[in-house]
Amino acid sequence: MKSPLAFLLVLLVTLIGLFGSAQTACGPNPRCPSDASNYLLPHPDCTQYYVCNQGTACEQSCPPGQHFNSYHRQCEAPETACCDIFIPCNPTE
């Protein structure tokens, strides 16, 4: 029979894995309009972007396998997002 302590440890590690990665880093960003909400900006990491609300930017992640397209302001396939210079670019209009 497993000990209750081992069960609690497994549960804690699982919860940290589920919720720990969901937290977003937020802070002031001079590129965020002070009067806008839900304004999207590109992030240096193609798989992420910023959501601006009244001058504060929060990091968000694209779904797995997608990159942020700064022109369309949405996550797309890497070849249409044209964010990574090492991936051939085939933009959509």
PDB file of N, CA and C in Angstrom:
ATOM      1  N   MET A   1       0.844  -1.183   0.000  1.00  0.00           N
ATOM      2  CA  MET A   1       0.000   0.000   0.000  1.00  0.00           C
ATOM      3  C   MET A   1       0.885   1.241   0.000  1.00  0.00           C
ATOM      4  N   LYS A   2       0.541   2.207  -0.853  1.00  0.00           N
ATOM      5  CA  LYS A   2       1.327   3.430  -0.934  1.00  0.00           C
ATOM      6  C   LYS A   2       1.012   4.337   0.241  1.00  0.00           C
ATOM      7  N   SER A   3       2.019   5.093   0.634  1.00  0.00           N
ATOM      8  CA  SER A   3       1.819   6.003   1.763  1.00  0.00           C
ATOM      9  C   SER A   3       1.052   7.243   1.321  1.00  0.00           C
ATOM     10  N   PRO A   4       0.294   7.869   2.217  1.00  0.00           N
ATOM     11  CA  PRO A   4      -0.421   9.108   1.885  1.00  0.00           C
ATOM     12  C   PRO A   4       0.544  10.232   1.497  1.00  0.00           C
ATOM     13  N   LEU A   5       1.733  10.225   2.062  1.00  0.00           N
ATOM     14  CA  LEU A   5       2.715  11.259   1.747  1.00  0.00           C
ATOM     15  C   LEU A   5       3.151  11.157   0.278  1.00  0.00           C
ATOM     16  N   ALA A   6       3.358   9.948  -0.204  1.00  0.00           N
ATOM     17  CA  ALA A   6       3.750   9.756  -1.602  1.00  0.00           C
ATOM     18  C   ALA A   6       2.633  10.212  -2.528  1.00  0.00           C
ATOM     19  N   PHE A   7       1.394   9.898  -2.175  1.00  0.00           N
ATOM     20  CA  PHE A   7       0.253  10.330  -2.975  1.00  0.00           C
ATOM     21  C   PHE A   7       0.169  11.854  -3.022  1.00  0.00           C
ATOM     22  N   LEU A   8       0.343  12.509  -1.894  1.00  0.00           N
ATOM     23  CA  LEU A   8       0.292  13.966  -1.844  1.00  0.00           C
ATOM     24  C   LEU A   8       1.419  14.589  -2.667  1.00  0.00           C
ATOM     25  N   LEU A   9       2.587  13.991  -2.628  1.00  0.00           N
ATOM     26  CA  LEU A   9       3.711  14.496  -3.402  1.00  0.00           C
ATOM     27  C   LEU A   9       3.427  14.402  -4.901  1.00  0.00           C
ATOM     28  N   VAL A  10       2.892  13.293  -5.361  1.00  0.00           N
ATOM     29  CA  VAL A  10       2.545  13.128  -6.773  1.00  0.00           C
ATOM     30  C   VAL A  10       1.461  14.131  -7.166  1.00  0.00           C
ATOM     31  N   LEU A  11       0.476  14.309  -6.302  1.00  0.00           N
ATOM     32  CA  LEU A  11      -0.589  15.266  -6.577  1.00  0.00           C
ATOM     33  C   LEU A  11      -0.046  16.688  -6.677  1.00  0.00           C
ATOM     34  N   LEU A  12       0.856  17.056  -5.779  1.00  0.00           N
ATOM     35  CA  LEU A  12       1.445  18.389  -5.782  1.00  0.00           C
ATOM     36  C   LEU A  12       2.256  18.630  -7.048  1.00  0.00           C
ATOM     37  N   VAL A  13       3.058  17.674  -7.455  1.00  0.00           N
ATOM     38  CA  VAL A  13       3.856  17.810  -8.681  1.00  0.00           C
ATOM     39  C   VAL A  13       2.949  17.937  -9.898  1.00  0.00           C
ATOM     40  N   THR A  14       1.870  17.176  -9.936  1.00  0.00           N
ATOM     41  CA  THR A  14       0.918  17.256 -11.043  1.00  0.00           C
ATOM     42  C   THR A  14       0.259  18.632 -11.105  1.00  0.00           C
ATOM     43  N   LEU A  15      -0.165  19.149  -9.970  1.00  0.00           N
ATOM     44  CA  LEU A  15      -0.812  20.455  -9.939  1.00  0.00           C
ATOM     45  C   LEU A  15       0.146  21.565 -10.343  1.00  0.00           C
ATOM     46  N   ILE A  16       1.386  21.481  -9.910  1.00  0.00           N
ATOM     47  CA  ILE A  16       2.374  22.488 -10.304  1.00  0.00           C
ATOM     48  C   ILE A  16       2.588  22.437 -11.812  1.00  0.00           C
ATOM     49  N   GLY A  17       2.631  21.256 -12.382  1.00  0.00           N
ATOM     50  CA  GLY A  17       2.797  21.111 -13.823  1.00  0.00           C
ATOM     51  C   GLY A  17       1.621  21.666 -14.600  1.00  0.00           C
ATOM     52  N   LEU A  18       0.415  21.478 -14.065  1.00  0.00           N
ATOM     53  CA  LEU A  18      -0.771  21.977 -14.757  1.00  0.00           C
ATOM     54  C   LEU A  18      -0.943  23.481 -14.623  1.00  0.00           C
ATOM     55  N   PHE A  19      -0.779  23.990 -13.429  1.00  0.00           N
ATOM     56  CA  PHE A  19      -1.079  25.392 -13.180  1.00  0.00           C
ATOM     57  C   PHE A  19       0.147  26.279 -13.159  1.00  0.00           C
ATOM     58  N   GLY A  20       1.299  25.751 -12.875  1.00  0.00           N
ATOM     59  CA  GLY A  20       2.504  26.564 -12.817  1.00  0.00           C
ATOM     60  C   GLY A  20       2.874  27.136 -14.169  1.00  0.00           C
ATOM     61  N   SER A  21       2.651  26.375 -15.230  1.00  0.00           N
ATOM     62  CA  SER A  21       2.993  26.852 -16.563  1.00  0.00           C
ATOM     63  C   SER A  21       1.932  27.785 -17.130  1.00  0.00           C
ATOM     64  N   ALA A  22       0.749  27.814 -16.520  1.00  0.00           N
ATOM     65  CA  ALA A  22      -0.323  28.661 -17.035  1.00  0.00           C
ATOM     66  C   ALA A  22      -0.168  30.116 -16.591  1.00  0.00           C
ATOM     67  N   GLN A  23       0.683  30.371 -15.633  1.00  0.00           N
ATOM     68  CA  GLN A  23       0.860  31.734 -15.173  1.00  0.00           C
ATOM     69  C   GLN A  23       1.568  32.543 -16.245  1.00  0.00           C
ATOM     70  N   THR A  24       1.166  33.794 -16.366  1.00  0.00           N
ATOM     71  CA  THR A  24       1.779  34.663 -17.354  1.00  0.00           C
ATOM     72  C   THR A  24       2.543  35.766 -16.654  1.00  0.00           C
ATOM     73  N   ALA A  25       3.609  36.177 -17.290  1.00  0.00           N
ATOM     74  CA  ALA A  25       4.399  37.295 -16.769  1.00  0.00           C
ATOM     75  C   ALA A  25       3.794  38.585 -17.307  1.00  0.00           C
ATOM     76  N   CYS A  26       3.501  39.502 -16.409  1.00  0.00           N
ATOM     77  CA  CYS A  26       2.897  40.783 -16.793  1.00  0.00           C
ATOM     78  C   CYS A  26       3.745  41.934 -16.267  1.00  0.00           C
ATOM     79  N   GLY A  27       3.708  43.025 -16.990  1.00  0.00           N
ATOM     80  CA  GLY A  27       4.415  44.212 -16.543  1.00  0.00           C
ATOM     81  C   GLY A  27       4.225  45.351 -17.521  1.00  0.00           C
ATOM     82  N   PRO A  28       4.649  46.546 -17.125  1.00  0.00           N
ATOM     83  CA  PRO A  28       4.516  47.694 -18.025  1.00  0.00           C
ATOM     84  C   PRO A  28       5.336  47.482 -19.294  1.00  0.00           C
ATOM     85  N   ASN A  29       4.811  47.978 -20.399  1.00  0.00           N
ATOM     86  CA  ASN A  29       5.506  47.868 -21.678  1.00  0.00           C
ATOM     87  C   ASN A  29       5.262  49.163 -22.448  1.00  0.00           C
ATOM     88  N   PRO A  30       6.322  49.889 -22.801  1.00  0.00           N
ATOM     89  CA  PRO A  30       6.134  51.163 -23.496  1.00  0.00           C
ATOM     90  C   PRO A  30       5.483  51.016 -24.876  1.00  0.00           C
ATOM     91  N   ARG A  31       5.510  49.818 -25.442  1.00  0.00           N
ATOM     92  CA  ARG A  31       4.879  49.596 -26.743  1.00  0.00           C
ATOM     93  C   ARG A  31       3.370  49.393 -26.638  1.00  0.00           C
ATOM     94  N   CYS A  32       2.860  49.197 -25.427  1.00  0.00           N
ATOM     95  CA  CYS A  32       1.424  49.005 -25.226  1.00  0.00           C
ATOM     96  C   CYS A  32       0.723  50.352 -25.122  1.00  0.00           C
ATOM     97  N   PRO A  33      -0.301  50.576 -25.943  1.00  0.00           N
ATOM     98  CA  PRO A  33      -1.055  51.819 -25.827  1.00  0.00           C
ATOM     99  C   PRO A  33      -1.729  51.903 -24.453  1.00  0.00           C
ATOM    100  N   SER A  34      -1.633  53.066 -23.828  1.00  0.00           N
ATOM    101  CA  SER A  34      -2.197  53.225 -22.482  1.00  0.00           C
ATOM    102  C   SER A  34      -3.715  53.223 -22.486  1.00  0.00           C
ATOM    103  N   ASP A  35      -4.343  53.452 -23.634  1.00  0.00           N
ATOM    104  CA  ASP A  35      -5.801  53.511 -23.690  1.00  0.00           C
ATOM    105  C   ASP A  35      -6.420  52.298 -24.394  1.00  0.00           C
ATOM    106  N   ALA A  36      -5.629  51.263 -24.661  1.00  0.00           N
ATOM    107  CA  ALA A  36      -6.134  50.095 -25.388  1.00  0.00           C
ATOM    108  C   ALA A  36      -6.259  48.878 -24.476  1.00  0.00           C
ATOM    109  N   SER A  37      -7.177  48.000 -24.843  1.00  0.00           N
ATOM    110  CA  SER A  37      -7.295  46.725 -24.136  1.00  0.00           C
ATOM    111  C   SER A  37      -7.314  45.608 -25.173  1.00  0.00           C
ATOM    112  N   ASN A  38      -6.762  44.474 -24.786  1.00  0.00           N
ATOM    113  CA  ASN A  38      -6.649  43.301 -25.659  1.00  0.00           C
ATOM    114  C   ASN A  38      -5.923  43.609 -26.966  1.00  0.00           C
ATOM    115  N   TYR A  39      -4.907  44.453 -26.884  1.00  0.00           N
ATOM    116  CA  TYR A  39      -4.069  44.798 -28.030  1.00  0.00           C
ATOM    117  C   TYR A  39      -2.915  43.806 -28.060  1.00  0.00           C
ATOM    118  N   LEU A  40      -2.689  43.137 -29.181  1.00  0.00           N
ATOM    119  CA  LEU A  40      -1.678  42.082 -29.270  1.00  0.00           C
ATOM    120  C   LEU A  40      -0.396  42.601 -29.902  1.00  0.00           C
ATOM    121  N   LEU A  41       0.723  42.232 -29.274  1.00  0.00           N
ATOM    122  CA  LEU A  41       2.052  42.604 -29.765  1.00  0.00           C
ATOM    123  C   LEU A  41       2.919  41.365 -29.902  1.00  0.00           C
ATOM    124  N   PRO A  42       3.866  41.363 -30.862  1.00  0.00           N
ATOM    125  CA  PRO A  42       4.782  40.224 -30.981  1.00  0.00           C
ATOM    126  C   PRO A  42       5.737  40.136 -29.801  1.00  0.00           C
ATOM    127  N   HIS A  43       6.208  38.957 -29.560  1.00  0.00           N
ATOM    128  CA  HIS A  43       7.175  38.634 -28.500  1.00  0.00           C
ATOM    129  C   HIS A  43       8.453  38.191 -29.206  1.00  0.00           C
ATOM    130  N   PRO A  44       9.622  38.346 -28.597  1.00  0.00           N
ATOM    131  CA  PRO A  44      10.859  37.854 -29.232  1.00  0.00           C
ATOM    132  C   PRO A  44      10.836  36.352 -29.543  1.00  0.00           C
ATOM    133  N   ASP A  45      10.079  35.582 -28.754  1.00  0.00           N
ATOM    134  CA  ASP A  45       9.900  34.151 -28.988  1.00  0.00           C
ATOM    135  C   ASP A  45       8.676  33.994 -29.901  1.00  0.00           C
ATOM    136  N   CYS A  46       8.853  33.423 -31.072  1.00  0.00           N
ATOM    137  CA  CYS A  46       7.767  33.314 -32.052  1.00  0.00           C
ATOM    138  C   CYS A  46       6.551  32.554 -31.537  1.00  0.00           C
ATOM    139  N   THR A  47       6.731  31.696 -30.556  1.00  0.00           N
ATOM    140  CA  THR A  47       5.620  30.907 -30.039  1.00  0.00           C
ATOM    141  C   THR A  47       4.819  31.670 -28.980  1.00  0.00           C
ATOM    142  N   GLN A  48       5.207  32.914 -28.707  1.00  0.00           N
ATOM    143  CA  GLN A  48       4.514  33.717 -27.709  1.00  0.00           C
ATOM    144  C   GLN A  48       4.137  35.081 -28.280  1.00  0.00           C
ATOM    145  N   TYR A  49       3.302  35.788 -27.538  1.00  0.00           N
ATOM    146  CA  TYR A  49       2.911  37.151 -27.877  1.00  0.00           C
ATOM    147  C   TYR A  49       2.515  37.858 -26.589  1.00  0.00           C
ATOM    148  N   TYR A  50       2.292  39.159 -26.676  1.00  0.00           N
ATOM    149  CA  TYR A  50       1.859  39.937 -25.531  1.00  0.00           C
ATOM    150  C   TYR A  50       0.417  40.398 -25.735  1.00  0.00           C
ATOM    151  N   VAL A  51      -0.367  40.392 -24.665  1.00  0.00           N
ATOM    152  CA  VAL A  51      -1.690  41.009 -24.657  1.00  0.00           C
ATOM    153  C   VAL A  51      -1.568  42.261 -23.806  1.00  0.00           C
ATOM    154  N   CYS A  52      -1.841  43.415 -24.412  1.00  0.00           N
ATOM    155  CA  CYS A  52      -1.733  44.698 -23.716  1.00  0.00           C
ATOM    156  C   CYS A  52      -3.089  45.149 -23.211  1.00  0.00           C
ATOM    157  N   ASN A  53      -3.105  45.639 -21.992  1.00  0.00           N
ATOM    158  CA  ASN A  53      -4.280  46.245 -21.383  1.00  0.00           C
ATOM    159  C   ASN A  53      -3.830  47.475 -20.619  1.00  0.00           C
ATOM    160  N   GLN A  54      -4.219  48.648 -21.083  1.00  0.00           N
ATOM    161  CA  GLN A  54      -3.889  49.928 -20.454  1.00  0.00           C
ATOM    162  C   GLN A  54      -2.400  50.043 -20.104  1.00  0.00           C
ATOM    163  N   GLY A  55      -1.530  49.719 -21.061  1.00  0.00           N
ATOM    164  CA  GLY A  55      -0.098  49.884 -20.890  1.00  0.00           C
ATOM    165  C   GLY A  55       0.623  48.730 -20.220  1.00  0.00           C
ATOM    166  N   THR A  56      -0.102  47.698 -19.805  1.00  0.00           N
ATOM    167  CA  THR A  56       0.502  46.525 -19.174  1.00  0.00           C
ATOM    168  C   THR A  56       0.438  45.354 -20.146  1.00  0.00           C
ATOM    169  N   ALA A  57       1.572  44.700 -20.329  1.00  0.00           N
ATOM    170  CA  ALA A  57       1.653  43.562 -21.248  1.00  0.00           C
ATOM    171  C   ALA A  57       1.753  42.259 -20.466  1.00  0.00           C
ATOM    172  N   CYS A  58       0.978  41.258 -20.875  1.00  0.00           N
ATOM    173  CA  CYS A  58       1.040  39.915 -20.292  1.00  0.00           C
ATOM    174  C   CYS A  58       1.423  38.932 -21.392  1.00  0.00           C
ATOM    175  N   GLU A  59       2.420  38.098 -21.092  1.00  0.00           N
ATOM    176  CA  GLU A  59       2.860  37.087 -22.052  1.00  0.00           C
ATOM    177  C   GLU A  59       1.800  35.998 -22.191  1.00  0.00           C
ATOM    178  N   GLN A  60       1.589  35.585 -23.422  1.00  0.00           N
ATOM    179  CA  GLN A  60       0.686  34.479 -23.737  1.00  0.00           C
ATOM    180  C   GLN A  60       1.407  33.553 -24.700  1.00  0.00           C
ATOM    181  N   SER A  61       0.974  32.314 -24.763  1.00  0.00           N
ATOM    182  CA  SER A  61       1.573  31.338 -25.677  1.00  0.00           C
ATOM    183  C   SER A  61       0.596  30.948 -26.763  1.00  0.00           C
ATOM    184  N   CYS A  62       1.126  30.757 -27.954  1.00  0.00           N
ATOM    185  CA  CYS A  62       0.323  30.217 -29.042  1.00  0.00           C
ATOM    186  C   CYS A  62       0.076  28.735 -28.770  1.00  0.00           C
ATOM    187  N   PRO A  63      -0.948  28.163 -29.402  1.00  0.00           N
ATOM    188  CA  PRO A  63      -1.133  26.713 -29.289  1.00  0.00           C
ATOM    189  C   PRO A  63       0.109  25.983 -29.799  1.00  0.00           C
ATOM    190  N   PRO A  64       0.342  24.782 -29.336  1.00  0.00           N
ATOM    191  CA  PRO A  64       1.517  24.023 -29.782  1.00  0.00           C
ATOM    192  C   PRO A  64       1.595  23.938 -31.309  1.00  0.00           C
ATOM    193  N   GLY A  65       2.789  24.184 -31.835  1.00  0.00           N
ATOM    194  CA  GLY A  65       3.028  24.098 -33.267  1.00  0.00           C
ATOM    195  C   GLY A  65       2.703  25.358 -34.042  1.00  0.00           C
ATOM    196  N   GLN A  66       2.267  26.423 -33.346  1.00  0.00           N
ATOM    197  CA  GLN A  66       1.933  27.657 -34.031  1.00  0.00           C
ATOM    198  C   GLN A  66       2.860  28.791 -33.612  1.00  0.00           C
ATOM    199  N   HIS A  67       2.949  29.804 -34.483  1.00  0.00           N
ATOM    200  CA  HIS A  67       3.733  31.014 -34.220  1.00  0.00           C
ATOM    201  C   HIS A  67       2.815  32.223 -34.324  1.00  0.00           C
ATOM    202  N   PHE A  68       3.227  33.316 -33.681  1.00  0.00           N
ATOM    203  CA  PHE A  68       2.440  34.547 -33.733  1.00  0.00           C
ATOM    204  C   PHE A  68       2.752  35.308 -35.011  1.00  0.00           C
ATOM    205  N   ASN A  69       1.716  35.696 -35.737  1.00  0.00           N
ATOM    206  CA  ASN A  69       1.846  36.503 -36.938  1.00  0.00           C
ATOM    207  C   ASN A  69       1.573  37.945 -36.535  1.00  0.00           C
ATOM    208  N   SER A  70       2.591  38.786 -36.568  1.00  0.00           N
ATOM    209  CA  SER A  70       2.435  40.166 -36.105  1.00  0.00           C
ATOM    210  C   SER A  70       1.586  41.001 -37.067  1.00  0.00           C
ATOM    211  N   TYR A  71       1.498  40.606 -38.327  1.00  0.00           N
ATOM    212  CA  TYR A  71       0.667  41.336 -39.288  1.00  0.00           C
ATOM    213  C   TYR A  71      -0.817  41.049 -39.046  1.00  0.00           C
ATOM    214  N   HIS A  72      -1.161  39.763 -38.906  1.00  0.00           N
ATOM    215  CA  HIS A  72      -2.557  39.375 -38.662  1.00  0.00           C
ATOM    216  C   HIS A  72      -2.931  39.442 -37.183  1.00  0.00           C
ATOM    217  N   ARG A  73      -1.923  39.557 -36.330  1.00  0.00           N
ATOM    218  CA  ARG A  73      -2.119  39.592 -34.874  1.00  0.00           C
ATOM    219  C   ARG A  73      -2.886  38.368 -34.373  1.00  0.00           C
ATOM    220  N   GLN A  74      -2.369  37.196 -34.786  1.00  0.00           N
ATOM    221  CA  GLN A  74      -2.945  35.928 -34.350  1.00  0.00           C
ATOM    222  C   GLN A  74      -1.902  34.822 -34.498  1.00  0.00           C
ATOM    223  N   CYS A  75      -2.171  33.695 -33.877  1.00  0.00           N
ATOM    224  CA  CYS A  75      -1.293  32.537 -33.995  1.00  0.00           C
ATOM    225  C   CYS A  75      -1.681  31.750 -35.247  1.00  0.00           C
ATOM    226  N   GLU A  76      -0.648  31.313 -35.973  1.00  0.00           N
ATOM    227  CA  GLU A  76      -0.856  30.589 -37.227  1.00  0.00           C
ATOM    228  C   GLU A  76       0.238  29.543 -37.390  1.00  0.00           C
ATOM    229  N   ALA A  77       0.161  28.822 -38.500  1.00  0.00           N
ATOM    230  CA  ALA A  77       1.223  27.879 -38.854  1.00  0.00           C
ATOM    231  C   ALA A  77       2.521  28.663 -39.035  1.00  0.00           C
ATOM    232  N   PRO A  78       3.653  28.110 -38.618  1.00  0.00           N
ATOM    233  CA  PRO A  78       4.923  28.837 -38.722  1.00  0.00           C
ATOM    234  C   PRO A  78       5.242  29.348 -40.121  1.00  0.00           C
ATOM    235  N   GLU A  79       4.877  28.596 -41.164  1.00  0.00           N
ATOM    236  CA  GLU A  79       5.204  29.029 -42.524  1.00  0.00           C
ATOM    237  C   GLU A  79       4.343  30.207 -43.002  1.00  0.00           C
ATOM    238  N   THR A  80       3.196  30.438 -42.386  1.00  0.00           N
ATOM    239  CA  THR A  80       2.393  31.609 -42.757  1.00  0.00           C
ATOM    240  C   THR A  80       2.587  32.765 -41.775  1.00  0.00           C
ATOM    241  N   ALA A  81       3.052  32.461 -40.570  1.00  0.00           N
ATOM    242  CA  ALA A  81       3.288  33.524 -39.588  1.00  0.00           C
ATOM    243  C   ALA A  81       4.533  34.334 -39.942  1.00  0.00           C
ATOM    244  N   CYS A  82       5.498  33.691 -40.596  1.00  0.00           N
ATOM    245  CA  CYS A  82       6.721  34.367 -41.059  1.00  0.00           C
ATOM    246  C   CYS A  82       7.462  35.072 -39.926  1.00  0.00           C
ATOM    247  N   CYS A  83       7.559  34.440 -38.800  1.00  0.00           N
ATOM    248  CA  CYS A  83       8.242  35.012 -37.637  1.00  0.00           C
ATOM    249  C   CYS A  83       9.678  34.506 -37.538  1.00  0.00           C
ATOM    250  N   ASP A  84       9.865  33.216 -37.762  1.00  0.00           N
ATOM    251  CA  ASP A  84      11.178  32.576 -37.633  1.00  0.00           C
ATOM    252  C   ASP A  84      11.912  32.661 -38.972  1.00  0.00           C
ATOM    253  N   ILE A  85      13.074  33.328 -38.980  1.00  0.00           N
ATOM    254  CA  ILE A  85      13.812  33.522 -40.233  1.00  0.00           C
ATOM    255  C   ILE A  85      14.359  32.213 -40.809  1.00  0.00           C
ATOM    256  N   PHE A  86      14.346  31.138 -40.034  1.00  0.00           N
ATOM    257  CA  PHE A  86      14.864  29.865 -40.499  1.00  0.00           C
ATOM    258  C   PHE A  86      13.781  28.955 -41.078  1.00  0.00           C
ATOM    259  N   ILE A  87      12.525  29.439 -41.087  1.00  0.00           N
ATOM    260  CA  ILE A  87      11.418  28.683 -41.664  1.00  0.00           C
ATOM    261  C   ILE A  87      10.969  29.407 -42.928  1.00  0.00           C
ATOM    262  N   PRO A  88      10.913  28.698 -44.065  1.00  0.00           N
ATOM    263  CA  PRO A  88      10.469  29.353 -45.296  1.00  0.00           C
ATOM    264  C   PRO A  88       9.106  30.033 -45.104  1.00  0.00           C
ATOM    265  N   CYS A  89       8.980  31.234 -45.631  1.00  0.00           N
ATOM    266  CA  CYS A  89       7.800  32.063 -45.429  1.00  0.00           C
ATOM    267  C   CYS A  89       6.867  31.984 -46.636  1.00  0.00           C
ATOM    268  N   ASN A  90       5.594  31.686 -46.383  1.00  0.00           N
ATOM    269  CA  ASN A  90       4.562  31.669 -47.408  1.00  0.00           C
ATOM    270  C   ASN A  90       3.351  32.383 -46.819  1.00  0.00           C
ATOM    271  N   PRO A  91       3.382  33.718 -46.755  1.00  0.00           N
ATOM    272  CA  PRO A  91       2.320  34.458 -46.070  1.00  0.00           C
ATOM    273  C   PRO A  91       0.969  34.367 -46.777  1.00  0.00           C
ATOM    274  N   THR A  92      -0.087  34.519 -45.992  1.00  0.00           N
ATOM    275  CA  THR A  92      -1.445  34.589 -46.540  1.00  0.00           C
ATOM    276  C   THR A  92      -1.918  36.036 -46.415  1.00  0.00           C
ATOM    277  N   GLU A  93      -2.884  36.386 -47.204  1.00  0.00           N
ATOM    278  CA  GLU A  93      -3.395  37.769 -47.130  1.00  0.00           C
ATOM    279  C   GLU A  93      -4.638  37.861 -46.322  1.00  0.00           C
TER     280      GLU A  93
END
